[in-house]
C-alpha atoms as a PDB file:
ATOM      1  CA  MET A   1     167.742 357.575 -22.329  1.00  0.00           C
ATOM      2  CA  ASN A   2     166.390 355.676 -24.681  1.00  0.00           C
ATOM      3  CA  PRO A   3     162.979 356.234 -26.804  1.00  0.00           C
ATOM      4  CA  GLY A   4     161.457 353.101 -24.588  1.00  0.00           C
ATOM      5  CA  MET A   5     162.283 354.291 -22.094  1.00  0.00           C
ATOM      6  CA  LEU A   6     161.396 357.642 -22.223  1.00  0.00           C
ATOM      7  CA  LEU A   7     157.985 356.616 -23.585  1.00  0.00           C
ATOM      8  CA  LYS A   8     157.413 354.390 -19.842  1.00  0.00           C
ATOM      9  CA  THR A   9     158.574 357.432 -18.343  1.00  0.00           C
ATOM     10  CA  GLY A  10     156.290 360.285 -20.074  1.00  0.00           C
ATOM     11  CA  ILE A  11     153.154 357.372 -20.058  1.00  0.00           C
ATOM     12  CA  ILE A  12     153.895 357.118 -16.728  1.00  0.00           C
ATOM     13  CA  GLY A  13     154.280 360.155 -15.857  1.00  0.00           C
ATOM     14  CA  THR A  14     150.766 360.948 -17.567  1.00  0.00           C
ATOM     15  CA  VAL A  15     148.585 359.065 -15.774  1.00  0.00           C
ATOM     16  CA  VAL A  16     150.217 359.043 -12.441  1.00  0.00           C
ATOM     17  CA  THR A  17     149.527 363.075 -13.163  1.00  0.00           C
ATOM     18  CA  ALA A  18     145.550 363.325 -14.496  1.00  0.00           C
ATOM     19  CA  LEU A  19     144.974 360.811 -11.668  1.00  0.00           C
ATOM     20  CA  CYS A  20     145.969 363.338  -9.644  1.00  0.00           C
ATOM     21  CA  CYS A  21     144.299 366.475 -11.577  1.00  0.00           C
ATOM     22  CA  PHE A  22     141.415 365.240 -11.952  1.00  0.00           C
ATOM     23  CA  THR A  23     140.145 362.894  -9.181  1.00  0.00           C
ATOM     24  CA  PRO A  24     140.526 363.976  -5.074  1.00  0.00           C
ATOM     25  CA  VAL A  25     143.167 361.903  -4.458  1.00  0.00           C
ATOM     26  CA  LEU A  26     145.619 364.238  -3.857  1.00  0.00           C
ATOM     27  CA  VAL A  27     143.522 366.119  -1.526  1.00  0.00           C
ATOM     28  CA  ILE A  28     142.144 363.250   0.763  1.00  0.00           C
ATOM     29  CA  VAL A  29     145.858 362.008   1.136  1.00  0.00           C
ATOM     30  CA  LEU A  30     147.122 365.879   1.681  1.00  0.00           C
ATOM     31  CA  GLY A  31     144.390 366.056   4.141  1.00  0.00           C
ATOM     32  CA  ALA A  32     145.050 362.535   5.901  1.00  0.00           C
ATOM     33  CA  VAL A  33     149.106 363.923   6.322  1.00  0.00           C
ATOM     34  CA  GLY A  34     148.084 367.225   7.569  1.00  0.00           C
ATOM     35  CA  LEU A  35     149.104 369.636   4.517  1.00  0.00           C
ATOM     36  CA  SER A  36     145.546 370.033   3.763  1.00  0.00           C
ATOM     37  CA  ALA A  37     146.666 374.212   3.436  1.00  0.00           C
ATOM     38  CA  TRP A  38     148.798 373.105   0.305  1.00  0.00           C
ATOM     39  CA  THR A  39     146.015 371.703  -1.763  1.00  0.00           C
ATOM     40  CA  GLY A  40     145.434 375.808  -3.259  1.00  0.00           C
ATOM     41  CA  TYR A  41     148.507 375.019  -4.457  1.00  0.00           C
ATOM     42  CA  LEU A  42     148.333 371.592  -6.659  1.00  0.00           C
ATOM     43  CA  ASP A  43     146.955 373.342 -10.057  1.00  0.00           C
ATOM     44  CA  VAL A  44     150.371 375.896 -10.233  1.00  0.00           C
ATOM     45  CA  VAL A  45     152.548 372.491 -10.272  1.00  0.00           C
ATOM     46  CA  LEU A  46     150.131 369.829 -11.859  1.00  0.00           C
ATOM     47  CA  LEU A  47     148.628 371.162 -14.714  1.00  0.00           C
ATOM     48  CA  PRO A  48     152.638 372.244 -15.852  1.00  0.00           C
ATOM     49  CA  ALA A  49     153.812 369.090 -14.998  1.00  0.00           C
ATOM     50  CA  LEU A  50     151.069 367.286 -16.491  1.00  0.00           C
ATOM     51  CA  ALA A  51     151.928 369.520 -20.056  1.00  0.00           C
ATOM     52  CA  LEU A  52     155.982 368.216 -19.467  1.00  0.00           C
ATOM     53  CA  PHE A  53     154.849 364.610 -19.122  1.00  0.00           C
ATOM     54  CA  VAL A  54     152.267 364.449 -22.292  1.00  0.00           C
ATOM     55  CA  ALA A  55     155.507 366.477 -23.904  1.00  0.00           C
ATOM     56  CA  LEU A  56     157.592 363.831 -23.190  1.00  0.00           C
ATOM     57  CA  THR A  57     155.291 361.234 -24.061  1.00  0.00           C
ATOM     58  CA  VAL A  58     154.464 362.195 -27.746  1.00  0.00           C
ATOM     59  CA  TYR A  59     158.518 362.934 -28.309  1.00  0.00           C
ATOM     60  CA  ALA A  60     159.102 359.566 -27.062  1.00  0.00           C
ATOM     61  CA  TRP A  61     156.322 358.599 -29.541  1.00  0.00           C
ATOM     62  CA  VAL A  62     157.824 360.445 -32.704  1.00  0.00           C
ATOM     63  CA  ARG A  63     161.341 359.489 -32.231  1.00  0.00           C
ATOM     64  CA  ARG A  64     161.302 355.522 -30.950  1.00  0.00           C
ATOM     65  CA  LYS A  65     161.636 353.551 -34.269  1.00  0.00           C
ATOM     66  CA  PRO A  66     159.219 352.707 -37.035  1.00  0.00           C
ATOM     67  CA  VAL A  67     158.628 349.015 -37.039  1.00  0.00           C
ATOM     68  CA  GLN A  68     159.314 347.469 -39.949  1.00  0.00           C
ATOM     69  CA  ASP A  69     157.080 346.647 -42.827  1.00  0.00           C
ATOM     70  CA  CYS A  70     156.171 343.108 -43.291  1.00  0.00           C
ATOM     71  CA  CYS A  71     156.699 342.958 -47.062  1.00  0.00           C
ATOM     72  CA  GLU A  72     160.113 344.496 -47.479  1.00  0.00           C
ATOM     73  CA  VAL A  73     162.288 342.785 -49.718  1.00  0.00           C
ATOM     74  CA  ASN A  74     164.838 340.372 -47.525  1.00  0.00           C
ATOM     75  CA  SER A  75     168.358 341.827 -48.780  1.00  0.00           C
ATOM     76  CA  ASP A  76     170.532 339.166 -48.030  1.00  0.00           C
ATOM     77  CA  LYS A  77     168.495 336.691 -50.261  1.00  0.00           C
ATOM     78  CA  GLY A  78     166.622 338.677 -52.143  1.00  0.00           C
ATOM     79  CA  GLU A  79     163.198 337.460 -51.047  1.00  0.00           C
ATOM     80  CA  THR A  80     160.715 339.395 -50.548  1.00  0.00           C
ATOM     81  CA  SER A  81     159.249 338.189 -46.862  1.00  0.00           C
END
């Protein structure tokens, strides 16, 4: 995977997991579909998933290519931009 795709995946996963961790969205959804007995195990799944997605986001952020400086010397013409 390229770093851009990893970064998108990490950010989207972090937002979705954080939304499910810190709000009662997942508890309401599980209760609506009749799986409210699973709410006791949400912390076991969501907290490691959040840590994984945050680590993936940091890894992709570090790995992406740096933006070139605007004042670098143009190697073709020998001029500064």
